[in-house]
Amino acid sequence: MNLAELDQVFLRDLVKVSRQKLHHVKWVDRDGTARVTTFSQSEGSRINALARSLGIGQPELMRQAAHLPVAKPAERPPEV
């Protein structure tokens, strides 16, 4: 394949994730909308660890995460 190295890495990662078992979490967003979020195995493990450390379930973790403020992009120095 004649693609840039970054594009090849991107495609390999997509194939790798598509071969993994996916985990689905049903939760309710802060506006009351029912959501389903799909995680890869590694993301699911991390979600489980976070929820366990807080003593809550995955759906509650996702609901609380919906209230986290969006990170502001770093300011760029003024152009000269």
C-alpha atoms as a PDB file:
ATOM      1  CA  MET A   1       0.000   0.000   0.000  1.00  0.00           C
ATOM      2  CA  ASN A   2       1.363   3.398  -0.936  1.00  0.00           C
ATOM      3  CA  LEU A   3       0.309   5.423   2.093  1.00  0.00           C
ATOM      4  CA  ALA A   4       2.134   7.688   4.493  1.00  0.00           C
ATOM      5  CA  GLU A   5       3.417   5.973   7.648  1.00  0.00           C
ATOM      6  CA  LEU A   6       0.904   7.835   9.855  1.00  0.00           C
ATOM      7  CA  ASP A   7      -1.963   6.632   7.664  1.00  0.00           C
ATOM      8  CA  GLN A   8      -0.707   3.043   7.841  1.00  0.00           C
ATOM      9  CA  VAL A   9      -0.507   3.235  11.656  1.00  0.00           C
ATOM     10  CA  PHE A  10      -4.054   4.642  11.745  1.00  0.00           C
ATOM     11  CA  LEU A  11      -5.376   1.788   9.585  1.00  0.00           C
ATOM     12  CA  ARG A  12      -3.514  -0.881  11.604  1.00  0.00           C
ATOM     13  CA  ASP A  13      -5.021   0.513  14.802  1.00  0.00           C
ATOM     14  CA  LEU A  14      -8.522   0.396  13.291  1.00  0.00           C
ATOM     15  CA  VAL A  15      -8.073  -3.235  12.308  1.00  0.00           C
ATOM     16  CA  LYS A  16      -6.678  -4.086  15.745  1.00  0.00           C
ATOM     17  CA  VAL A  17      -9.646  -2.510  17.543  1.00  0.00           C
ATOM     18  CA  SER A  18     -12.152  -4.145  15.187  1.00  0.00           C
ATOM     19  CA  ARG A  19     -10.780  -7.565  16.165  1.00  0.00           C
ATOM     20  CA  GLN A  20     -11.276  -6.936  19.876  1.00  0.00           C
ATOM     21  CA  LYS A  21     -14.358  -7.758  21.889  1.00  0.00           C
ATOM     22  CA  LEU A  22     -16.299  -4.549  22.412  1.00  0.00           C
ATOM     23  CA  HIS A  23     -18.060  -3.562  25.628  1.00  0.00           C
ATOM     24  CA  HIS A  24     -21.285  -1.551  25.651  1.00  0.00           C
ATOM     25  CA  VAL A  25     -22.471   0.600  28.539  1.00  0.00           C
ATOM     26  CA  LYS A  26     -26.034   1.936  28.637  1.00  0.00           C
ATOM     27  CA  TRP A  27     -26.351   5.157  30.609  1.00  0.00           C
ATOM     28  CA  VAL A  28     -28.516   8.277  30.867  1.00  0.00           C
ATOM     29  CA  ASP A  29     -27.019  11.632  29.853  1.00  0.00           C
ATOM     30  CA  ARG A  30     -27.451  14.725  31.996  1.00  0.00           C
ATOM     31  CA  ASP A  31     -30.343  15.887  29.791  1.00  0.00           C
ATOM     32  CA  GLY A  32     -32.144  12.559  30.296  1.00  0.00           C
ATOM     33  CA  THR A  33     -31.205  11.090  26.909  1.00  0.00           C
ATOM     34  CA  ALA A  34     -30.498   7.356  26.905  1.00  0.00           C
ATOM     35  CA  ARG A  35     -27.015   6.661  25.551  1.00  0.00           C
ATOM     36  CA  VAL A  36     -24.958   3.598  24.675  1.00  0.00           C
ATOM     37  CA  THR A  37     -21.191   3.952  24.622  1.00  0.00           C
ATOM     38  CA  THR A  38     -18.963   1.298  23.083  1.00  0.00           C
ATOM     39  CA  PHE A  39     -15.467   0.677  24.450  1.00  0.00           C
ATOM     40  CA  SER A  40     -12.527  -1.420  23.348  1.00  0.00           C
ATOM     41  CA  GLN A  41     -11.202  -4.012  25.794  1.00  0.00           C
ATOM     42  CA  SER A  42      -8.481  -1.715  27.115  1.00  0.00           C
ATOM     43  CA  GLU A  43     -10.899   1.199  27.533  1.00  0.00           C
ATOM     44  CA  GLY A  44     -13.389  -1.117  29.255  1.00  0.00           C
ATOM     45  CA  SER A  45     -10.731  -2.205  31.733  1.00  0.00           C
ATOM     46  CA  ARG A  46      -9.908   1.389  32.532  1.00  0.00           C
ATOM     47  CA  ILE A  47     -13.601   2.309  32.913  1.00  0.00           C
ATOM     48  CA  ASN A  48     -14.046  -0.661  35.276  1.00  0.00           C
ATOM     49  CA  ALA A  49     -11.039   0.397  37.357  1.00  0.00           C
ATOM     50  CA  LEU A  50     -12.271   4.008  37.594  1.00  0.00           C
ATOM     51  CA  ALA A  51     -15.794   2.975  38.546  1.00  0.00           C
ATOM     52  CA  ARG A  52     -14.503   0.499  41.127  1.00  0.00           C
ATOM     53  CA  SER A  53     -12.181   3.103  42.690  1.00  0.00           C
ATOM     54  CA  LEU A  54     -15.145   5.486  43.069  1.00  0.00           C
ATOM     55  CA  GLY A  55     -17.462   2.756  44.341  1.00  0.00           C
ATOM     56  CA  ILE A  56     -20.016   3.281  41.550  1.00  0.00           C
ATOM     57  CA  GLY A  57     -21.121   1.410  38.439  1.00  0.00           C
ATOM     58  CA  GLN A  58     -20.172   2.125  34.850  1.00  0.00           C
ATOM     59  CA  PRO A  59     -23.486   3.840  33.970  1.00  0.00           C
ATOM     60  CA  GLU A  60     -23.113   6.217  36.929  1.00  0.00           C
ATOM     61  CA  LEU A  61     -19.489   6.911  36.022  1.00  0.00           C
ATOM     62  CA  MET A  62     -20.546   7.889  32.495  1.00  0.00           C
ATOM     63  CA  ARG A  63     -23.370  10.070  33.835  1.00  0.00           C
ATOM     64  CA  GLN A  64     -20.960  11.900  36.124  1.00  0.00           C
ATOM     65  CA  ALA A  65     -18.379  12.193  33.342  1.00  0.00           C
ATOM     66  CA  ALA A  66     -20.967  14.008  31.209  1.00  0.00           C
ATOM     67  CA  HIS A  67     -20.781  16.851  33.744  1.00  0.00           C
ATOM     68  CA  LEU A  68     -17.014  17.331  33.375  1.00  0.00           C
ATOM     69  CA  PRO A  69     -16.205  20.630  31.669  1.00  0.00           C
ATOM     70  CA  VAL A  70     -14.701  20.503  28.200  1.00  0.00           C
ATOM     71  CA  ALA A  71     -10.960  21.163  28.238  1.00  0.00           C
ATOM     72  CA  LYS A  72     -10.061  24.472  26.683  1.00  0.00           C
ATOM     73  CA  PRO A  73      -7.431  24.351  23.940  1.00  0.00           C
ATOM     74  CA  ALA A  74      -4.036  25.761  24.878  1.00  0.00           C
ATOM     75  CA  GLU A  75      -3.565  29.322  23.784  1.00  0.00           C
ATOM     76  CA  ARG A  76      -1.188  29.826  20.922  1.00  0.00           C
ATOM     77  CA  PRO A  77       1.419  32.554  21.176  1.00  0.00           C
ATOM     78  CA  PRO A  78       0.547  35.637  19.129  1.00  0.00           C
ATOM     79  CA  GLU A  79       1.789  35.479  15.565  1.00  0.00           C
ATOM     80  CA  VAL A  80       4.289  38.115  14.530  1.00  0.00           C
END
